Amino acid sequence: MGESPAASVQSFIAFEHVCKRFGDNVVLDDVSFFVMPGETLCIIGRSGVGKSVSLEIIMGFLKPDAGSIVVKGEDVTDFTETQMEAVRRRVTMVFQSGALFDSLTVFENVAFPLRQKGELSEDQIDQIVNGLLGMVGVSEMAHSLPSGLSTGMRRAVAIGRALAAQPEAILYDEPTTMVDPLMAHLMGNLIQKVKFQLHLTSIVVTHDMEFAEKLADRVLFLHEGKVHFFGSVAELRQTSDPILQEFLRLDQRTLPNPALWK
């Protein structure tokens, strides 16, 4: 089943025996995993297995019923909202919706975290924002409102805004959901570029195994609220486990041509 999911003292983010239920529905049942600094962990599994819930727990939007969350060696499980604000400056999240400010242009959305800090001149902000818009491939949309953008472009802008906050880690929630194969390919390239150019730690929640294979240093497969596999992509591909084999087989039926990733 891959590596032991015991947390490492050198890990950037660690889940330690986390449990979460909503009413009678047990979403996470004694889940443990970690991601090392600079690594990309992809969390895969069918709908409703707790993938996105795991990200919300890391961000402090939800609290676990049991277990602990450790960020850079610090247990943040019982942090107050005020304390979590400091954590969210180091760890940011790109939501499925993009969560952009509808009344602000693309440029103003990306500039927002820089202006919040109040440490830079407008000339410096302009330079940084224009660089980020170029990096995520939306320079020509700088003066557009989010409502005029496609789902994929909104997510690209959201990544730009996340990078403007200068985080150490980014969490991505289903970045390829509801986008066409070409945009999924571009999103994969963008997240990979962020990883290698900026050396950021990443956790990517996805249902798309080809996408995970492109990005992941490690893969976490959740099944019925539990860790069913935690290890490398190569180990995952070699497994004879019937549940994983079924997931991979069904995944192949729904994916675009893998040649698009080359």
C-alpha atoms as a PDB file:
ATOM      1  CA  MET A   1       0.000   0.000   0.000  1.00  0.00           C
ATOM      2  CA  GLY A   2       2.923   2.358  -0.486  1.00  0.00           C
ATOM      3  CA  GLU A   3       4.648   4.332   2.243  1.00  0.00           C
ATOM      4  CA  SER A   4       3.654   4.424   5.843  1.00  0.00           C
ATOM      5  CA  PRO A   5       1.557   7.574   6.355  1.00  0.00           C
ATOM      6  CA  ALA A   6       3.139   8.368   9.697  1.00  0.00           C
ATOM      7  CA  ALA A   7       3.935  12.076   9.913  1.00  0.00           C
ATOM      8  CA  SER A   8       7.519  13.142   9.435  1.00  0.00           C
ATOM      9  CA  VAL A   9       9.101  15.742  11.706  1.00  0.00           C
ATOM     10  CA  GLN A  10      10.511  17.395   8.569  1.00  0.00           C
ATOM     11  CA  SER A  11       7.149  17.554   6.789  1.00  0.00           C
ATOM     12  CA  PHE A  12       5.594  20.860   5.781  1.00  0.00           C
ATOM     13  CA  ILE A  13       2.024  19.671   6.410  1.00  0.00           C
ATOM     14  CA  ALA A  14       0.990  16.558   8.328  1.00  0.00           C
ATOM     15  CA  PHE A  15      -2.383  14.990   9.071  1.00  0.00           C
ATOM     16  CA  GLU A  16      -2.200  12.805  12.163  1.00  0.00           C
ATOM     17  CA  HIS A  17      -5.079  10.362  12.790  1.00  0.00           C
ATOM     18  CA  VAL A  18      -7.716  12.854  11.644  1.00  0.00           C
ATOM     19  CA  CYS A  19     -11.394  11.994  11.950  1.00  0.00           C
ATOM     20  CA  LYS A  20     -14.319  14.047  10.639  1.00  0.00           C
ATOM     21  CA  ARG A  21     -18.015  13.274  10.427  1.00  0.00           C
ATOM     22  CA  PHE A  22     -21.099  15.205   9.417  1.00  0.00           C
ATOM     23  CA  GLY A  23     -23.997  13.739  11.360  1.00  0.00           C
ATOM     24  CA  ASP A  24     -23.923   9.992  10.740  1.00  0.00           C
ATOM     25  CA  ASN A  25     -21.680  10.349   7.699  1.00  0.00           C
ATOM     26  CA  VAL A  26     -18.053   9.526   8.528  1.00  0.00           C
ATOM     27  CA  VAL A  27     -15.992  11.435   5.950  1.00  0.00           C
ATOM     28  CA  LEU A  28     -12.488  10.916   7.339  1.00  0.00           C
ATOM     29  CA  ASP A  29     -11.702   7.935   9.540  1.00  0.00           C
ATOM     30  CA  ASP A  30      -8.251   7.955  11.173  1.00  0.00           C
ATOM     31  CA  VAL A  31      -6.555   9.569   8.165  1.00  0.00           C
ATOM     32  CA  SER A  32      -2.795  10.239   8.307  1.00  0.00           C
ATOM     33  CA  PHE A  33      -0.521  11.626   5.601  1.00  0.00           C
ATOM     34  CA  PHE A  34       2.228  14.199   5.103  1.00  0.00           C
ATOM     35  CA  VAL A  35       3.767  16.360   2.392  1.00  0.00           C
ATOM     36  CA  MET A  36       7.411  17.369   2.463  1.00  0.00           C
ATOM     37  CA  PRO A  37       8.681  20.901   1.690  1.00  0.00           C
ATOM     38  CA  GLY A  38       8.687  21.487  -2.068  1.00  0.00           C
ATOM     39  CA  GLU A  39       6.720  18.318  -2.799  1.00  0.00           C
ATOM     40  CA  THR A  40       3.406  17.950  -4.609  1.00  0.00           C
ATOM     41  CA  LEU A  41       0.924  15.544  -3.047  1.00  0.00           C
ATOM     42  CA  CYS A  42      -2.124  14.599  -5.122  1.00  0.00           C
ATOM     43  CA  ILE A  43      -5.204  13.379  -3.249  1.00  0.00           C
ATOM     44  CA  ILE A  44      -7.363  11.155  -5.429  1.00  0.00           C
ATOM     45  CA  GLY A  45     -10.506   9.115  -4.965  1.00  0.00           C
ATOM     46  CA  ARG A  46     -14.174   9.057  -5.864  1.00  0.00           C
ATOM     47  CA  SER A  47     -16.571  11.857  -4.978  1.00  0.00           C
ATOM     48  CA  GLY A  48     -17.481  12.187  -1.304  1.00  0.00           C
ATOM     49  CA  VAL A  49     -14.397  10.499   0.157  1.00  0.00           C
ATOM     50  CA  GLY A  50     -13.130  13.598   1.979  1.00  0.00           C
ATOM     51  CA  LYS A  51     -10.626  15.021  -0.503  1.00  0.00           C
ATOM     52  CA  SER A  52     -11.822  18.633  -0.382  1.00  0.00           C
ATOM     53  CA  VAL A  53     -12.717  18.324   3.302  1.00  0.00           C
ATOM     54  CA  SER A  54      -9.050  17.535   3.990  1.00  0.00           C
ATOM     55  CA  LEU A  55      -8.021  20.848   2.418  1.00  0.00           C
ATOM     56  CA  GLU A  56     -10.639  22.771   4.396  1.00  0.00           C
ATOM     57  CA  ILE A  57      -9.330  21.214   7.610  1.00  0.00           C
ATOM     58  CA  ILE A  58      -5.756  22.239   6.771  1.00  0.00           C
ATOM     59  CA  MET A  59      -6.968  25.806   6.143  1.00  0.00           C
ATOM     60  CA  GLY A  60      -8.921  25.857   9.420  1.00  0.00           C
ATOM     61  CA  PHE A  61     -12.299  26.325   7.721  1.00  0.00           C
ATOM     62  CA  LEU A  62     -13.364  23.053   9.355  1.00  0.00           C
ATOM     63  CA  LYS A  63     -12.178  21.528  12.619  1.00  0.00           C
ATOM     64  CA  PRO A  64     -11.506  17.784  12.940  1.00  0.00           C
ATOM     65  CA  ASP A  65     -13.424  15.701  15.455  1.00  0.00           C
ATOM     66  CA  ALA A  66     -10.186  13.964  16.413  1.00  0.00           C
ATOM     67  CA  GLY A  67      -6.536  13.984  15.420  1.00  0.00           C
ATOM     68  CA  SER A  68      -4.212  16.875  14.685  1.00  0.00           C
ATOM     69  CA  ILE A  69      -2.911  19.043  11.829  1.00  0.00           C
ATOM     70  CA  VAL A  70       0.718  20.141  11.927  1.00  0.00           C
ATOM     71  CA  VAL A  71       2.123  22.916   9.721  1.00  0.00           C
ATOM     72  CA  LYS A  72       5.908  23.398   9.736  1.00  0.00           C
ATOM     73  CA  GLY A  73       6.216  21.589  13.035  1.00  0.00           C
ATOM     74  CA  GLU A  74       3.446  23.579  14.735  1.00  0.00           C
ATOM     75  CA  ASP A  75       0.179  21.948  15.828  1.00  0.00           C
ATOM     76  CA  VAL A  76      -2.534  24.251  14.460  1.00  0.00           C
ATOM     77  CA  THR A  77      -5.514  22.009  15.259  1.00  0.00           C
ATOM     78  CA  ASP A  78      -6.975  24.202  17.986  1.00  0.00           C
ATOM     79  CA  PHE A  79      -5.869  27.562  16.603  1.00  0.00           C
ATOM     80  CA  THR A  80      -8.350  30.401  16.818  1.00  0.00           C
ATOM     81  CA  GLU A  81      -9.466  32.222  13.670  1.00  0.00           C
ATOM     82  CA  THR A  82      -7.008  35.002  14.467  1.00  0.00           C
ATOM     83  CA  GLN A  83      -4.148  32.516  14.831  1.00  0.00           C
ATOM     84  CA  MET A  84      -5.148  30.800  11.567  1.00  0.00           C
ATOM     85  CA  GLU A  85      -4.789  34.098   9.702  1.00  0.00           C
ATOM     86  CA  ALA A  86      -1.029  33.836  10.203  1.00  0.00           C
ATOM     87  CA  VAL A  87      -1.074  30.228   8.932  1.00  0.00           C
ATOM     88  CA  ARG A  88      -3.064  31.302   5.834  1.00  0.00           C
ATOM     89  CA  ARG A  89      -0.350  33.767   4.938  1.00  0.00           C
ATOM     90  CA  ARG A  90       1.967  30.773   4.546  1.00  0.00           C
ATOM     91  CA  VAL A  91      -0.587  28.316   3.165  1.00  0.00           C
ATOM     92  CA  THR A  92      -3.167  29.537   0.656  1.00  0.00           C
ATOM     93  CA  MET A  93      -5.912  27.755  -1.267  1.00  0.00           C
ATOM     94  CA  VAL A  94      -7.202  27.953  -4.833  1.00  0.00           C
ATOM     95  CA  PHE A  95     -10.900  27.099  -4.774  1.00  0.00           C
ATOM     96  CA  GLN A  96     -12.857  25.434  -7.594  1.00  0.00           C
ATOM     97  CA  SER A  97     -14.804  28.659  -8.124  1.00  0.00           C
ATOM     98  CA  GLY A  98     -11.660  30.792  -8.070  1.00  0.00           C
ATOM     99  CA  ALA A  99     -13.286  32.892  -5.302  1.00  0.00           C
ATOM    100  CA  LEU A 100     -12.374  36.129  -7.078  1.00  0.00           C
ATOM    101  CA  PHE A 101     -13.831  39.537  -6.271  1.00  0.00           C
ATOM    102  CA  ASP A 102     -16.470  40.031  -8.982  1.00  0.00           C
ATOM    103  CA  SER A 103     -16.349  43.832  -8.800  1.00  0.00           C
ATOM    104  CA  LEU A 104     -12.568  43.998  -9.329  1.00  0.00           C
ATOM    105  CA  THR A 105     -10.682  43.526 -12.584  1.00  0.00           C
ATOM    106  CA  VAL A 106      -8.230  40.677 -13.042  1.00  0.00           C
ATOM    107  CA  PHE A 107      -5.369  43.094 -12.339  1.00  0.00           C
ATOM    108  CA  GLU A 108      -7.017  44.415  -9.165  1.00  0.00           C
ATOM    109  CA  ASN A 109      -7.766  40.890  -7.929  1.00  0.00           C
ATOM    110  CA  VAL A 110      -4.109  39.895  -8.180  1.00  0.00           C
ATOM    111  CA  ALA A 111      -2.992  43.216  -6.682  1.00  0.00           C
ATOM    112  CA  PHE A 112      -5.324  42.830  -3.694  1.00  0.00           C
ATOM    113  CA  PRO A 113      -3.019  40.836  -1.349  1.00  0.00           C
ATOM    114  CA  LEU A 114      -0.096  43.129  -2.206  1.00  0.00           C
ATOM    115  CA  ARG A 115      -2.101  46.234  -1.327  1.00  0.00           C
ATOM    116  CA  GLN A 116      -3.312  44.607   1.897  1.00  0.00           C
ATOM    117  CA  LYS A 117       0.277  44.406   3.106  1.00  0.00           C
ATOM    118  CA  GLY A 118       0.770  48.123   2.503  1.00  0.00           C
ATOM    119  CA  GLU A 119       4.520  47.690   2.038  1.00  0.00           C
ATOM    120  CA  LEU A 120       4.912  48.408  -1.697  1.00  0.00           C
ATOM    121  CA  SER A 121       4.592  51.415  -3.969  1.00  0.00           C
ATOM    122  CA  GLU A 122       2.091  51.359  -6.842  1.00  0.00           C
ATOM    123  CA  ASP A 123       4.963  51.048  -9.305  1.00  0.00           C
ATOM    124  CA  GLN A 124       6.243  47.976  -7.473  1.00  0.00           C
ATOM    125  CA  ILE A 125       2.739  46.485  -7.351  1.00  0.00           C
ATOM    126  CA  ASP A 126       2.267  47.093 -11.087  1.00  0.00           C
ATOM    127  CA  GLN A 127       5.537  45.332 -11.844  1.00  0.00           C
ATOM    128  CA  ILE A 128       4.770  42.319  -9.656  1.00  0.00           C
ATOM    129  CA  VAL A 129       1.171  41.938 -10.867  1.00  0.00           C
ATOM    130  CA  ASN A 130       2.125  42.202 -14.532  1.00  0.00           C
ATOM    131  CA  GLY A 131       4.789  39.547 -13.977  1.00  0.00           C
ATOM    132  CA  LEU A 132       2.311  37.213 -12.283  1.00  0.00           C
ATOM    133  CA  LEU A 133      -0.329  37.733 -14.971  1.00  0.00           C
ATOM    134  CA  GLY A 134       2.286  36.796 -17.545  1.00  0.00           C
ATOM    135  CA  MET A 135       3.332  33.741 -15.573  1.00  0.00           C
ATOM    136  CA  VAL A 136      -0.232  32.367 -15.357  1.00  0.00           C
ATOM    137  CA  GLY A 137      -1.017  33.301 -18.956  1.00  0.00           C
ATOM    138  CA  VAL A 138      -3.730  35.953 -18.561  1.00  0.00           C
ATOM    139  CA  SER A 139      -1.901  39.220 -19.325  1.00  0.00           C
ATOM    140  CA  GLU A 140      -4.348  40.165 -22.067  1.00  0.00           C
ATOM    141  CA  MET A 141      -7.241  39.910 -19.589  1.00  0.00           C
ATOM    142  CA  ALA A 142      -5.792  42.326 -17.014  1.00  0.00           C
ATOM    143  CA  HIS A 143      -8.653  44.805 -17.337  1.00  0.00           C
ATOM    144  CA  SER A 144     -11.453  42.219 -17.643  1.00  0.00           C
ATOM    145  CA  LEU A 145     -13.910  41.383 -14.888  1.00  0.00           C
ATOM    146  CA  PRO A 146     -14.054  37.767 -13.632  1.00  0.00           C
ATOM    147  CA  SER A 147     -17.611  37.363 -14.955  1.00  0.00           C
ATOM    148  CA  GLY A 148     -16.253  37.573 -18.497  1.00  0.00           C
ATOM    149  CA  LEU A 149     -13.742  34.746 -18.027  1.00  0.00           C
ATOM    150  CA  SER A 150     -14.041  31.015 -18.520  1.00  0.00           C
ATOM    151  CA  THR A 151     -13.856  28.687 -15.520  1.00  0.00           C
ATOM    152  CA  GLY A 152     -10.270  27.765 -16.342  1.00  0.00           C
ATOM    153  CA  MET A 153      -9.167  31.367 -16.766  1.00  0.00           C
ATOM    154  CA  ARG A 154     -10.735  32.315 -13.429  1.00  0.00           C
ATOM    155  CA  ARG A 155      -8.702  29.571 -11.795  1.00  0.00           C
ATOM    156  CA  ALA A 156      -5.534  30.808 -13.499  1.00  0.00           C
ATOM    157  CA  VAL A 157      -6.222  34.298 -12.112  1.00  0.00           C
ATOM    158  CA  ALA A 158      -6.862  32.770  -8.679  1.00  0.00           C
ATOM    159  CA  ILE A 159      -3.439  31.100  -8.830  1.00  0.00           C
ATOM    160  CA  GLY A 160      -1.906  34.464  -9.709  1.00  0.00           C
ATOM    161  CA  ARG A 161      -3.615  36.070  -6.735  1.00  0.00           C
ATOM    162  CA  ALA A 162      -2.487  33.226  -4.463  1.00  0.00           C
ATOM    163  CA  LEU A 163       1.116  33.717  -5.612  1.00  0.00           C
ATOM    164  CA  ALA A 164       0.899  37.474  -4.954  1.00  0.00           C
ATOM    165  CA  ALA A 165       0.496  36.637  -1.262  1.00  0.00           C
ATOM    166  CA  GLN A 166       3.955  34.961  -1.398  1.00  0.00           C
ATOM    167  CA  PRO A 167       2.874  31.726   0.300  1.00  0.00           C
ATOM    168  CA  GLU A 168       5.065  28.754   1.074  1.00  0.00           C
ATOM    169  CA  ALA A 169       2.352  26.251   0.100  1.00  0.00           C
ATOM    170  CA  ILE A 170      -0.698  26.220  -2.178  1.00  0.00           C
ATOM    171  CA  LEU A 171      -3.680  23.877  -1.934  1.00  0.00           C
ATOM    172  CA  TYR A 172      -5.617  23.293  -5.179  1.00  0.00           C
ATOM    173  CA  ASP A 173      -9.196  21.996  -5.028  1.00  0.00           C
ATOM    174  CA  GLU A 174     -10.107  20.095  -8.226  1.00  0.00           C
ATOM    175  CA  PRO A 175      -8.341  22.496 -10.631  1.00  0.00           C
ATOM    176  CA  THR A 176      -9.474  20.578 -13.741  1.00  0.00           C
ATOM    177  CA  THR A 177     -13.149  20.120 -12.848  1.00  0.00           C
ATOM    178  CA  MET A 178     -15.532  21.598 -15.437  1.00  0.00           C
ATOM    179  CA  VAL A 179     -12.789  22.572 -17.893  1.00  0.00           C
ATOM    180  CA  ASP A 180     -12.022  21.160 -21.329  1.00  0.00           C
ATOM    181  CA  PRO A 181      -9.010  18.857 -21.963  1.00  0.00           C
ATOM    182  CA  LEU A 182      -6.863  21.677 -23.368  1.00  0.00           C
ATOM    183  CA  MET A 183      -7.450  23.879 -20.315  1.00  0.00           C
ATOM    184  CA  ALA A 184      -6.791  20.886 -18.038  1.00  0.00           C
ATOM    185  CA  HIS A 185      -3.451  20.462 -19.830  1.00  0.00           C
ATOM    186  CA  LEU A 186      -2.640  24.168 -19.377  1.00  0.00           C
ATOM    187  CA  MET A 187      -3.583  24.054 -15.688  1.00  0.00           C
ATOM    188  CA  GLY A 188      -1.272  21.089 -15.207  1.00  0.00           C
ATOM    189  CA  ASN A 189       1.577  22.953 -16.875  1.00  0.00           C
ATOM    190  CA  LEU A 190       0.901  26.044 -14.755  1.00  0.00           C
ATOM    191  CA  ILE A 191       0.870  24.156 -11.444  1.00  0.00           C
ATOM    192  CA  GLN A 192       4.043  22.356 -12.504  1.00  0.00           C
ATOM    193  CA  LYS A 193       5.681  25.691 -13.392  1.00  0.00           C
ATOM    194  CA  VAL A 194       4.759  27.106  -9.966  1.00  0.00           C
ATOM    195  CA  LYS A 195       6.307  24.067  -8.323  1.00  0.00           C
ATOM    196  CA  PHE A 196       9.622  24.125 -10.173  1.00  0.00           C
ATOM    197  CA  GLN A 197      10.147  27.882 -10.483  1.00  0.00           C
ATOM    198  CA  LEU A 198       9.051  28.865  -6.983  1.00  0.00           C
ATOM    199  CA  HIS A 199       9.707  25.573  -5.114  1.00  0.00           C
ATOM    200  CA  LEU A 200       6.339  25.748  -3.385  1.00  0.00           C
ATOM    201  CA  THR A 201       4.789  22.878  -1.473  1.00  0.00           C
ATOM    202  CA  SER A 202       1.499  21.813  -3.058  1.00  0.00           C
ATOM    203  CA  ILE A 203      -1.494  19.606  -2.352  1.00  0.00           C
ATOM    204  CA  VAL A 204      -3.744  18.967  -5.344  1.00  0.00           C
ATOM    205  CA  VAL A 205      -7.168  17.377  -4.927  1.00  0.00           C
ATOM    206  CA  THR A 206      -8.186  15.714  -8.175  1.00  0.00           C
ATOM    207  CA  HIS A 207     -10.259  12.861  -9.598  1.00  0.00           C
ATOM    208  CA  ASP A 208      -8.044  12.797 -12.706  1.00  0.00           C
ATOM    209  CA  MET A 209      -5.271  10.192 -12.556  1.00  0.00           C
ATOM    210  CA  GLU A 210      -3.430  11.471 -15.659  1.00  0.00           C
ATOM    211  CA  PHE A 211      -3.337  14.908 -14.042  1.00  0.00           C
ATOM    212  CA  ALA A 212      -2.023  13.379 -10.798  1.00  0.00           C
ATOM    213  CA  GLU A 213       0.613  11.391 -12.670  1.00  0.00           C
ATOM    214  CA  LYS A 214       1.850  14.581 -14.335  1.00  0.00           C
ATOM    215  CA  LEU A 215       2.233  16.470 -11.051  1.00  0.00           C
ATOM    216  CA  ALA A 216       2.628  14.196  -8.054  1.00  0.00           C
ATOM    217  CA  ASP A 217       5.660  13.270  -6.029  1.00  0.00           C
ATOM    218  CA  ARG A 218       3.299  11.250  -3.866  1.00  0.00           C
ATOM    219  CA  VAL A 219      -0.321  10.123  -4.191  1.00  0.00           C
ATOM    220  CA  LEU A 220      -2.911   9.647  -1.454  1.00  0.00           C
ATOM    221  CA  PHE A 221      -5.906   7.489  -2.390  1.00  0.00           C
ATOM    222  CA  LEU A 222      -8.889   7.837  -0.064  1.00  0.00           C
ATOM    223  CA  HIS A 223     -11.570   5.145  -0.031  1.00  0.00           C
ATOM    224  CA  GLU A 224     -14.561   5.014   2.288  1.00  0.00           C
ATOM    225  CA  GLY A 225     -13.016   7.627   4.567  1.00  0.00           C
ATOM    226  CA  LYS A 226      -9.711   5.822   5.021  1.00  0.00           C
ATOM    227  CA  VAL A 227      -6.216   5.956   3.538  1.00  0.00           C
ATOM    228  CA  HIS A 228      -6.202   3.092   1.045  1.00  0.00           C
ATOM    229  CA  PHE A 229      -2.859   3.997  -0.530  1.00  0.00           C
ATOM    230  CA  PHE A 230      -0.060   6.495   0.141  1.00  0.00           C
ATOM    231  CA  GLY A 231       3.029   6.378  -2.032  1.00  0.00           C
ATOM    232  CA  SER A 232       4.587   7.242  -5.383  1.00  0.00           C
ATOM    233  CA  VAL A 233       2.816   7.208  -8.758  1.00  0.00           C
ATOM    234  CA  ALA A 234       5.035   4.293  -9.831  1.00  0.00           C
ATOM    235  CA  GLU A 235       3.960   2.288  -6.793  1.00  0.00           C
ATOM    236  CA  LEU A 236       0.327   3.114  -7.503  1.00  0.00           C
ATOM    237  CA  ARG A 237       0.602   1.942 -11.104  1.00  0.00           C
ATOM    238  CA  GLN A 238       2.204  -1.331  -9.993  1.00  0.00           C
ATOM    239  CA  THR A 239      -0.383  -2.212  -7.371  1.00  0.00           C
ATOM    240  CA  SER A 240      -2.584  -5.258  -7.782  1.00  0.00           C
ATOM    241  CA  ASP A 241      -5.112  -3.988  -5.234  1.00  0.00           C
ATOM    242  CA  PRO A 242      -8.583  -4.565  -6.782  1.00  0.00           C
ATOM    243  CA  ILE A 243     -10.113  -1.304  -5.512  1.00  0.00           C
ATOM    244  CA  LEU A 244      -7.271   0.757  -6.951  1.00  0.00           C
ATOM    245  CA  GLN A 245      -7.290  -1.244 -10.170  1.00  0.00           C
ATOM    246  CA  GLU A 246     -11.000  -0.543 -10.604  1.00  0.00           C
ATOM    247  CA  PHE A 247     -10.480   3.185  -9.972  1.00  0.00           C
ATOM    248  CA  LEU A 248      -7.665   3.360 -12.516  1.00  0.00           C
ATOM    249  CA  ARG A 249      -9.656   1.349 -15.063  1.00  0.00           C
ATOM    250  CA  LEU A 250     -12.708   3.608 -14.764  1.00  0.00           C
ATOM    251  CA  ASP A 251     -10.462   6.683 -14.849  1.00  0.00           C
ATOM    252  CA  GLN A 252      -8.959   5.598 -18.183  1.00  0.00           C
ATOM    253  CA  ARG A 253     -12.443   5.401 -19.711  1.00  0.00           C
ATOM    254  CA  THR A 254     -13.259   9.017 -18.898  1.00  0.00           C
ATOM    255  CA  LEU A 255      -9.927  10.737 -19.633  1.00  0.00           C
ATOM    256  CA  PRO A 256      -8.950  12.601 -22.808  1.00  0.00           C
ATOM    257  CA  ASN A 257      -6.217  11.162 -24.976  1.00  0.00           C
ATOM    258  CA  PRO A 258      -3.037  10.950 -22.797  1.00  0.00           C
ATOM    259  CA  ALA A 259      -1.042  12.160 -25.832  1.00  0.00           C
ATOM    260  CA  LEU A 260      -2.417  15.629 -25.053  1.00  0.00           C
ATOM    261  CA  TRP A 261      -0.144  15.694 -21.986  1.00  0.00           C
ATOM    262  CA  LYS A 262       3.071  15.274 -23.959  1.00  0.00           C
END
